[in-house]
Amino acid sequence: MDERVILEEVYDAIEGEKLSTAIIRNVIIGVLFVLMLSLPKIYIATNIYYTSVKINKLLNEYYSLKAENSILKSKIEKLKFKNRLSSSLF
């Protein structure tokens, strides 16, 4: 019996405090305002992240190609030296 009285009081309190359309409109406007402010920030942060990932990938490729270039240059120098030695013997 006691629970029923509490439930009725809660129901009466909810019915007495109905939300008016002005309050609902203000809440919707507030939510839209917050979204308008936060969505560009999220978009920019995401673009910065993906751009930095691309830059890191390109830098890694650049460094590996630079190292490969130096290895190839040293191989070419060895071949040139070997070719000079063999041509001078004849």
PDB file of N, CA and C in Angstrom:
ATOM      1  N   MET A   1       0.825  -1.193   0.000  1.00  0.00           N
ATOM      2  CA  MET A   1       0.000   0.000   0.000  1.00  0.00           C
ATOM      3  C   MET A   1       0.868   1.255   0.000  1.00  0.00           C
ATOM      4  N   ASP A   2       1.922   1.197   0.710  1.00  0.00           N
ATOM      5  CA  ASP A   2       2.819   2.339   0.816  1.00  0.00           C
ATOM      6  C   ASP A   2       3.471   2.644  -0.536  1.00  0.00           C
ATOM      7  N   GLU A   3       3.799   1.589  -1.280  1.00  0.00           N
ATOM      8  CA  GLU A   3       4.425   1.756  -2.595  1.00  0.00           C
ATOM      9  C   GLU A   3       3.465   2.430  -3.572  1.00  0.00           C
ATOM     10  N   ARG A   4       2.216   2.062  -3.463  1.00  0.00           N
ATOM     11  CA  ARG A   4       1.217   2.634  -4.368  1.00  0.00           C
ATOM     12  C   ARG A   4       1.077   4.140  -4.137  1.00  0.00           C
ATOM     13  N   VAL A   5       1.148   4.571  -2.913  1.00  0.00           N
ATOM     14  CA  VAL A   5       1.036   5.997  -2.588  1.00  0.00           C
ATOM     15  C   VAL A   5       2.237   6.746  -3.151  1.00  0.00           C
ATOM     16  N   ILE A   6       3.424   6.157  -3.019  1.00  0.00           N
ATOM     17  CA  ILE A   6       4.650   6.790  -3.530  1.00  0.00           C
ATOM     18  C   ILE A   6       4.577   6.912  -5.053  1.00  0.00           C
ATOM     19  N   LEU A   7       4.139   5.846  -5.710  1.00  0.00           N
ATOM     20  CA  LEU A   7       4.013   5.880  -7.161  1.00  0.00           C
ATOM     21  C   LEU A   7       3.004   6.930  -7.613  1.00  0.00           C
ATOM     22  N   GLU A   8       1.911   7.058  -6.906  1.00  0.00           N
ATOM     23  CA  GLU A   8       0.917   8.064  -7.266  1.00  0.00           C
ATOM     24  C   GLU A   8       1.478   9.475  -7.088  1.00  0.00           C
ATOM     25  N   GLU A   9       2.256   9.693  -6.047  1.00  0.00           N
ATOM     26  CA  GLU A   9       2.858  11.012  -5.827  1.00  0.00           C
ATOM     27  C   GLU A   9       3.869  11.338  -6.917  1.00  0.00           C
ATOM     28  N   VAL A  10       4.643  10.344  -7.307  1.00  0.00           N
ATOM     29  CA  VAL A  10       5.609  10.554  -8.383  1.00  0.00           C
ATOM     30  C   VAL A  10       4.874  10.856  -9.684  1.00  0.00           C
ATOM     31  N   TYR A  11       3.831  10.127  -9.967  1.00  0.00           N
ATOM     32  CA  TYR A  11       3.044  10.360 -11.181  1.00  0.00           C
ATOM     33  C   TYR A  11       2.431  11.756 -11.169  1.00  0.00           C
ATOM     34  N   ASP A  12       1.907  12.167 -10.038  1.00  0.00           N
ATOM     35  CA  ASP A  12       1.328  13.510  -9.929  1.00  0.00           C
ATOM     36  C   ASP A  12       2.395  14.586 -10.123  1.00  0.00           C
ATOM     37  N   ALA A  13       3.607  14.353  -9.600  1.00  0.00           N
ATOM     38  CA  ALA A  13       4.689  15.330  -9.758  1.00  0.00           C
ATOM     39  C   ALA A  13       5.106  15.434 -11.220  1.00  0.00           C
ATOM     40  N   ILE A  14       5.150  14.306 -11.906  1.00  0.00           N
ATOM     41  CA  ILE A  14       5.518  14.314 -13.324  1.00  0.00           C
ATOM     42  C   ILE A  14       4.441  15.022 -14.141  1.00  0.00           C
ATOM     43  N   GLU A  15       3.193  14.741 -13.861  1.00  0.00           N
ATOM     44  CA  GLU A  15       2.099  15.371 -14.593  1.00  0.00           C
ATOM     45  C   GLU A  15       2.054  16.871 -14.330  1.00  0.00           C
ATOM     46  N   GLY A  16       2.399  17.283 -13.129  1.00  0.00           N
ATOM     47  CA  GLY A  16       2.350  18.702 -12.772  1.00  0.00           C
ATOM     48  C   GLY A  16       3.469  19.500 -13.439  1.00  0.00           C
ATOM     49  N   GLU A  17       4.566  18.857 -13.798  1.00  0.00           N
ATOM     50  CA  GLU A  17       5.716  19.558 -14.372  1.00  0.00           C
ATOM     51  C   GLU A  17       5.892  19.202 -15.851  1.00  0.00           C
ATOM     52  N   LYS A  18       4.845  19.330 -16.597  1.00  0.00           N
ATOM     53  CA  LYS A  18       4.941  19.041 -18.027  1.00  0.00           C
ATOM     54  C   LYS A  18       5.859  20.057 -18.680  1.00  0.00           C
ATOM     55  N   LEU A  19       6.621  19.585 -19.668  1.00  0.00           N
ATOM     56  CA  LEU A  19       7.540  20.463 -20.381  1.00  0.00           C
ATOM     57  C   LEU A  19       6.761  21.285 -21.398  1.00  0.00           C
ATOM     58  N   SER A  20       7.006  22.560 -21.362  1.00  0.00           N
ATOM     59  CA  SER A  20       6.336  23.418 -22.334  1.00  0.00           C
ATOM     60  C   SER A  20       7.116  23.392 -23.644  1.00  0.00           C
ATOM     61  N   THR A  21       6.467  23.845 -24.699  1.00  0.00           N
ATOM     62  CA  THR A  21       7.126  23.838 -26.004  1.00  0.00           C
ATOM     63  C   THR A  21       8.306  24.802 -26.036  1.00  0.00           C
ATOM     64  N   ALA A  22       8.270  25.858 -25.246  1.00  0.00           N
ATOM     65  CA  ALA A  22       9.366  26.819 -25.215  1.00  0.00           C
ATOM     66  C   ALA A  22      10.622  26.166 -24.634  1.00  0.00           C
ATOM     67  N   ILE A  23      10.457  25.373 -23.601  1.00  0.00           N
ATOM     68  CA  ILE A  23      11.606  24.693 -22.989  1.00  0.00           C
ATOM     69  C   ILE A  23      12.185  23.673 -23.973  1.00  0.00           C
ATOM     70  N   ILE A  24      11.331  22.921 -24.619  1.00  0.00           N
ATOM     71  CA  ILE A  24      11.797  21.925 -25.582  1.00  0.00           C
ATOM     72  C   ILE A  24      12.509  22.614 -26.752  1.00  0.00           C
ATOM     73  N   ARG A  25      11.934  23.727 -27.223  1.00  0.00           N
ATOM     74  CA  ARG A  25      12.569  24.470 -28.312  1.00  0.00           C
ATOM     75  C   ARG A  25      13.940  24.993 -27.895  1.00  0.00           C
ATOM     76  N   ASN A  26      14.046  25.529 -26.687  1.00  0.00           N
ATOM     77  CA  ASN A  26      15.331  26.047 -26.198  1.00  0.00           C
ATOM     78  C   ASN A  26      16.368  24.930 -26.057  1.00  0.00           C
ATOM     79  N   VAL A  27      15.940  23.775 -25.622  1.00  0.00           N
ATOM     80  CA  VAL A  27      16.869  22.643 -25.506  1.00  0.00           C
ATOM     81  C   VAL A  27      17.358  22.216 -26.881  1.00  0.00           C
ATOM     82  N   ILE A  28      16.455  22.150 -27.843  1.00  0.00           N
ATOM     83  CA  ILE A  28      16.842  21.759 -29.203  1.00  0.00           C
ATOM     84  C   ILE A  28      17.800  22.788 -29.798  1.00  0.00           C
ATOM     85  N   ILE A  29      17.523  24.059 -29.603  1.00  0.00           N
ATOM     86  CA  ILE A  29      18.420  25.108 -30.098  1.00  0.00           C
ATOM     87  C   ILE A  29      19.787  25.004 -29.432  1.00  0.00           C
ATOM     88  N   GLY A  30      19.796  24.728 -28.150  1.00  0.00           N
ATOM     89  CA  GLY A  30      21.065  24.569 -27.441  1.00  0.00           C
ATOM     90  C   GLY A  30      21.875  23.395 -27.963  1.00  0.00           C
ATOM     91  N   VAL A  31      21.202  22.286 -28.204  1.00  0.00           N
ATOM     92  CA  VAL A  31      21.896  21.104 -28.733  1.00  0.00           C
ATOM     93  C   VAL A  31      22.434  21.395 -30.120  1.00  0.00           C
ATOM     94  N   LEU A  32      21.651  22.039 -30.969  1.00  0.00           N
ATOM     95  CA  LEU A  32      22.118  22.391 -32.311  1.00  0.00           C
ATOM     96  C   LEU A  32      23.299  23.355 -32.264  1.00  0.00           C
ATOM     97  N   PHE A  33      23.273  24.286 -31.334  1.00  0.00           N
ATOM     98  CA  PHE A  33      24.378  25.237 -31.178  1.00  0.00           C
ATOM     99  C   PHE A  33      25.663  24.519 -30.770  1.00  0.00           C
ATOM    100  N   VAL A  34      25.553  23.602 -29.838  1.00  0.00           N
ATOM    101  CA  VAL A  34      26.725  22.833 -29.411  1.00  0.00           C
ATOM    102  C   VAL A  34      27.255  21.984 -30.564  1.00  0.00           C
ATOM    103  N   LEU A  35      26.372  21.376 -31.333  1.00  0.00           N
ATOM    104  CA  LEU A  35      26.793  20.591 -32.500  1.00  0.00           C
ATOM    105  C   LEU A  35      27.477  21.472 -33.544  1.00  0.00           C
ATOM    106  N   MET A  36      26.947  22.668 -33.757  1.00  0.00           N
ATOM    107  CA  MET A  36      27.554  23.570 -34.732  1.00  0.00           C
ATOM    108  C   MET A  36      28.958  23.964 -34.310  1.00  0.00           C
ATOM    109  N   LEU A  37      29.190  24.067 -33.022  1.00  0.00           N
ATOM    110  CA  LEU A  37      30.521  24.424 -32.544  1.00  0.00           C
ATOM    111  C   LEU A  37      31.475  23.235 -32.516  1.00  0.00           C
ATOM    112  N   SER A  38      30.969  22.056 -32.236  1.00  0.00           N
ATOM    113  CA  SER A  38      31.861  20.912 -32.061  1.00  0.00           C
ATOM    114  C   SER A  38      32.152  20.151 -33.352  1.00  0.00           C
ATOM    115  N   LEU A  39      31.235  20.112 -34.302  1.00  0.00           N
ATOM    116  CA  LEU A  39      31.463  19.350 -35.526  1.00  0.00           C
ATOM    117  C   LEU A  39      32.643  19.871 -36.356  1.00  0.00           C
ATOM    118  N   PRO A  40      32.813  21.180 -36.543  1.00  0.00           N
ATOM    119  CA  PRO A  40      34.000  21.625 -37.284  1.00  0.00           C
ATOM    120  C   PRO A  40      35.310  21.245 -36.591  1.00  0.00           C
ATOM    121  N   LYS A  41      35.325  21.306 -35.275  1.00  0.00           N
ATOM    122  CA  LYS A  41      36.527  20.934 -34.536  1.00  0.00           C
ATOM    123  C   LYS A  41      36.845  19.458 -34.738  1.00  0.00           C
ATOM    124  N   ILE A  42      35.821  18.626 -34.699  1.00  0.00           N
ATOM    125  CA  ILE A  42      36.022  17.188 -34.912  1.00  0.00           C
ATOM    126  C   ILE A  42      36.513  16.935 -36.335  1.00  0.00           C
ATOM    127  N   TYR A  43      35.933  17.627 -37.312  1.00  0.00           N
ATOM    128  CA  TYR A  43      36.328  17.462 -38.704  1.00  0.00           C
ATOM    129  C   TYR A  43      37.791  17.872 -38.903  1.00  0.00           C
ATOM    130  N   ILE A  44      38.167  19.005 -38.346  1.00  0.00           N
ATOM    131  CA  ILE A  44      39.547  19.486 -38.497  1.00  0.00           C
ATOM    132  C   ILE A  44      40.527  18.552 -37.802  1.00  0.00           C
ATOM    133  N   ALA A  45      40.191  18.093 -36.604  1.00  0.00           N
ATOM    134  CA  ALA A  45      41.078  17.181 -35.884  1.00  0.00           C
ATOM    135  C   ALA A  45      41.256  15.871 -36.642  1.00  0.00           C
ATOM    136  N   THR A  46      40.186  15.376 -37.231  1.00  0.00           N
ATOM    137  CA  THR A  46      40.274  14.137 -38.012  1.00  0.00           C
ATOM    138  C   THR A  46      41.141  14.341 -39.247  1.00  0.00           C
ATOM    139  N   ASN A  47      40.964  15.465 -39.934  1.00  0.00           N
ATOM    140  CA  ASN A  47      41.787  15.746 -41.104  1.00  0.00           C
ATOM    141  C   ASN A  47      43.260  15.874 -40.740  1.00  0.00           C
ATOM    142  N   ILE A  48      43.551  16.520 -39.628  1.00  0.00           N
ATOM    143  CA  ILE A  48      44.940  16.650 -39.178  1.00  0.00           C
ATOM    144  C   ILE A  48      45.526  15.281 -38.894  1.00  0.00           C
ATOM    145  N   TYR A  49      44.756  14.416 -38.264  1.00  0.00           N
ATOM    146  CA  TYR A  49      45.250  13.077 -37.949  1.00  0.00           C
ATOM    147  C   TYR A  49      45.582  12.297 -39.223  1.00  0.00           C
ATOM    148  N   TYR A  50      44.640  12.263 -40.169  1.00  0.00           N
ATOM    149  CA  TYR A  50      44.876  11.491 -41.385  1.00  0.00           C
ATOM    150  C   TYR A  50      45.999  12.093 -42.234  1.00  0.00           C
ATOM    151  N   THR A  51      46.117  13.415 -42.238  1.00  0.00           N
ATOM    152  CA  THR A  51      47.216  14.048 -42.965  1.00  0.00           C
ATOM    153  C   THR A  51      48.558  13.704 -42.321  1.00  0.00           C
ATOM    154  N   SER A  52      48.620  13.681 -41.002  1.00  0.00           N
ATOM    155  CA  SER A  52      49.878  13.330 -40.341  1.00  0.00           C
ATOM    156  C   SER A  52      50.233  11.860 -40.578  1.00  0.00           C
ATOM    157  N   VAL A  53      49.234  10.998 -40.673  1.00  0.00           N
ATOM    158  CA  VAL A  53      49.505   9.596 -40.996  1.00  0.00           C
ATOM    159  C   VAL A  53      50.111   9.487 -42.397  1.00  0.00           C
ATOM    160  N   LYS A  54      49.557  10.230 -43.358  1.00  0.00           N
ATOM    161  CA  LYS A  54      50.102  10.219 -44.717  1.00  0.00           C
ATOM    162  C   LYS A  54      51.525  10.764 -44.741  1.00  0.00           C
ATOM    163  N   ILE A  55      51.767  11.839 -43.996  1.00  0.00           N
ATOM    164  CA  ILE A  55      53.102  12.433 -43.953  1.00  0.00           C
ATOM    165  C   ILE A  55      54.100  11.450 -43.358  1.00  0.00           C
ATOM    166  N   ASN A  56      53.725  10.758 -42.283  1.00  0.00           N
ATOM    167  CA  ASN A  56      54.621   9.768 -41.681  1.00  0.00           C
ATOM    168  C   ASN A  56      54.928   8.643 -42.657  1.00  0.00           C
ATOM    169  N   LYS A  57      53.933   8.204 -43.385  1.00  0.00           N
ATOM    170  CA  LYS A  57      54.149   7.133 -44.375  1.00  0.00           C
ATOM    171  C   LYS A  57      55.114   7.602 -45.455  1.00  0.00           C
ATOM    172  N   LEU A  58      54.891   8.823 -45.959  1.00  0.00           N
ATOM    173  CA  LEU A  58      55.769   9.356 -46.998  1.00  0.00           C
ATOM    174  C   LEU A  58      57.191   9.570 -46.483  1.00  0.00           C
ATOM    175  N   LEU A  59      57.331  10.006 -45.230  1.00  0.00           N
ATOM    176  CA  LEU A  59      58.668  10.174 -44.657  1.00  0.00           C
ATOM    177  C   LEU A  59      59.392   8.844 -44.524  1.00  0.00           C
ATOM    178  N   ASN A  60      58.672   7.821 -44.093  1.00  0.00           N
ATOM    179  CA  ASN A  60      59.291   6.492 -43.994  1.00  0.00           C
ATOM    180  C   ASN A  60      59.739   6.002 -45.356  1.00  0.00           C
ATOM    181  N   GLU A  61      58.906   6.201 -46.370  1.00  0.00           N
ATOM    182  CA  GLU A  61      59.296   5.802 -47.720  1.00  0.00           C
ATOM    183  C   GLU A  61      60.489   6.613 -48.204  1.00  0.00           C
ATOM    184  N   TYR A  62      60.520   7.901 -47.900  1.00  0.00           N
ATOM    185  CA  TYR A  62      61.627   8.758 -48.300  1.00  0.00           C
ATOM    186  C   TYR A  62      62.941   8.279 -47.682  1.00  0.00           C
ATOM    187  N   TYR A  63      62.918   8.006 -46.376  1.00  0.00           N
ATOM    188  CA  TYR A  63      64.146   7.559 -45.707  1.00  0.00           C
ATOM    189  C   TYR A  63      64.611   6.202 -46.226  1.00  0.00           C
ATOM    190  N   SER A  64      63.675   5.310 -46.493  1.00  0.00           N
ATOM    191  CA  SER A  64      64.083   4.005 -47.019  1.00  0.00           C
ATOM    192  C   SER A  64      64.638   4.134 -48.432  1.00  0.00           C
ATOM    193  N   LEU A  65      64.040   5.002 -49.257  1.00  0.00           N
ATOM    194  CA  LEU A  65      64.568   5.217 -50.609  1.00  0.00           C
ATOM    195  C   LEU A  65      65.930   5.910 -50.567  1.00  0.00           C
ATOM    196  N   LYS A  66      66.113   6.795 -49.618  1.00  0.00           N
ATOM    197  CA  LYS A  66      67.401   7.465 -49.467  1.00  0.00           C
ATOM    198  C   LYS A  66      68.483   6.463 -49.071  1.00  0.00           C
ATOM    199  N   ALA A  67      68.147   5.559 -48.149  1.00  0.00           N
ATOM    200  CA  ALA A  67      69.106   4.521 -47.746  1.00  0.00           C
ATOM    201  C   ALA A  67      69.400   3.580 -48.911  1.00  0.00           C
ATOM    202  N   GLU A  68      68.379   3.214 -49.666  1.00  0.00           N
ATOM    203  CA  GLU A  68      68.581   2.345 -50.823  1.00  0.00           C
ATOM    204  C   GLU A  68      69.428   3.036 -51.881  1.00  0.00           C
ATOM    205  N   ASN A  69      69.241   4.334 -52.038  1.00  0.00           N
ATOM    206  CA  ASN A  69      70.034   5.100 -52.990  1.00  0.00           C
ATOM    207  C   ASN A  69      71.516   5.083 -52.601  1.00  0.00           C
ATOM    208  N   SER A  70      71.805   5.256 -51.320  1.00  0.00           N
ATOM    209  CA  SER A  70      73.211   5.233 -50.899  1.00  0.00           C
ATOM    210  C   SER A  70      73.819   3.845 -51.080  1.00  0.00           C
ATOM    211  N   ILE A  71      73.030   2.797 -50.844  1.00  0.00           N
ATOM    212  CA  ILE A  71      73.529   1.428 -51.062  1.00  0.00           C
ATOM    213  C   ILE A  71      73.820   1.210 -52.545  1.00  0.00           C
ATOM    214  N   LEU A  72      72.910   1.673 -53.410  1.00  0.00           N
ATOM    215  CA  LEU A  72      73.117   1.517 -54.852  1.00  0.00           C
ATOM    216  C   LEU A  72      74.327   2.320 -55.334  1.00  0.00           C
ATOM    217  N   LYS A  73      74.535   3.508 -54.779  1.00  0.00           N
ATOM    218  CA  LYS A  73      75.707   4.304 -55.150  1.00  0.00           C
ATOM    219  C   LYS A  73      77.000   3.590 -54.775  1.00  0.00           C
ATOM    220  N   SER A  74      77.011   2.985 -53.598  1.00  0.00           N
ATOM    221  CA  SER A  74      78.228   2.269 -53.194  1.00  0.00           C
ATOM    222  C   SER A  74      78.449   1.040 -54.086  1.00  0.00           C
ATOM    223  N   LYS A  75      77.389   0.359 -54.485  1.00  0.00           N
ATOM    224  CA  LYS A  75      77.543  -0.776 -55.399  1.00  0.00           C
ATOM    225  C   LYS A  75      78.073  -0.318 -56.756  1.00  0.00           C
ATOM    226  N   ILE A  76      77.581   0.826 -57.231  1.00  0.00           N
ATOM    227  CA  ILE A  76      78.053   1.370 -58.506  1.00  0.00           C
ATOM    228  C   ILE A  76      79.538   1.717 -58.410  1.00  0.00           C
ATOM    229  N   GLU A  77      79.945   2.324 -57.308  1.00  0.00           N
ATOM    230  CA  GLU A  77      81.361   2.668 -57.133  1.00  0.00           C
ATOM    231  C   GLU A  77      82.225   1.405 -57.115  1.00  0.00           C
ATOM    232  N   LYS A  78      81.745   0.349 -56.457  1.00  0.00           N
ATOM    233  CA  LYS A  78      82.490  -0.917 -56.445  1.00  0.00           C
ATOM    234  C   LYS A  78      82.617  -1.482 -57.852  1.00  0.00           C
ATOM    235  N   LEU A  79      81.533  -1.437 -58.634  1.00  0.00           N
ATOM    236  CA  LEU A  79      81.564  -1.940 -60.007  1.00  0.00           C
ATOM    237  C   LEU A  79      82.492  -1.105 -60.884  1.00  0.00           C
ATOM    238  N   LYS A  80      82.474   0.228 -60.707  1.00  0.00           N
ATOM    239  CA  LYS A  80      83.381   1.084 -61.463  1.00  0.00           C
ATOM    240  C   LYS A  80      84.835   0.754 -61.147  1.00  0.00           C
ATOM    241  N   PHE A  81      85.115   0.580 -59.854  1.00  0.00           N
ATOM    242  CA  PHE A  81      86.485   0.250 -59.446  1.00  0.00           C
ATOM    243  C   PHE A  81      86.906  -1.091 -60.024  1.00  0.00           C
ATOM    244  N   LYS A  82      86.020  -2.073 -59.958  1.00  0.00           N
ATOM    245  CA  LYS A  82      86.311  -3.400 -60.496  1.00  0.00           C
ATOM    246  C   LYS A  82      86.527  -3.327 -62.006  1.00  0.00           C
ATOM    247  N   ASN A  83      85.705  -2.533 -62.698  1.00  0.00           N
ATOM    248  CA  ASN A  83      85.828  -2.367 -64.145  1.00  0.00           C
ATOM    249  C   ASN A  83      87.160  -1.701 -64.506  1.00  0.00           C
ATOM    250  N   ARG A  84      87.606  -0.713 -63.749  1.00  0.00           N
ATOM    251  CA  ARG A  84      88.881  -0.047 -64.000  1.00  0.00           C
ATOM    252  C   ARG A  84      90.046  -1.005 -63.803  1.00  0.00           C
ATOM    253  N   LEU A  85      89.935  -1.847 -62.749  1.00  0.00           N
ATOM    254  CA  LEU A  85      90.987  -2.796 -62.511  1.00  0.00           C
ATOM    255  C   LEU A  85      91.086  -3.819 -63.646  1.00  0.00           C
ATOM    256  N   SER A  86      89.952  -4.314 -64.087  1.00  0.00           N
ATOM    257  CA  SER A  86      89.969  -5.309 -65.132  1.00  0.00           C
ATOM    258  C   SER A  86      90.405  -4.719 -66.480  1.00  0.00           C
ATOM    259  N   SER A  87      90.054  -3.457 -66.754  1.00  0.00           N
ATOM    260  CA  SER A  87      90.443  -2.834 -68.006  1.00  0.00           C
ATOM    261  C   SER A  87      91.933  -2.463 -67.986  1.00  0.00           C
ATOM    262  N   SER A  88      92.483  -2.159 -66.842  1.00  0.00           N
ATOM    263  CA  SER A  88      93.903  -1.814 -66.760  1.00  0.00           C
ATOM    264  C   SER A  88      94.806  -3.047 -66.882  1.00  0.00           C
ATOM    265  N   LEU A  89      94.279  -4.233 -66.592  1.00  0.00           N
ATOM    266  CA  LEU A  89      95.068  -5.439 -66.703  1.00  0.00           C
ATOM    267  C   LEU A  89      95.280  -5.836 -68.161  1.00  0.00           C
ATOM    268  N   PHE A  90      94.406  -5.412 -69.059  1.00  0.00           N
ATOM    269  CA  PHE A  90      94.549  -5.799 -70.460  1.00  0.00           C
ATOM    270  C   PHE A  90      95.298  -4.792 -71.197  1.00  0.00           C
TER     271      PHE A  90
END
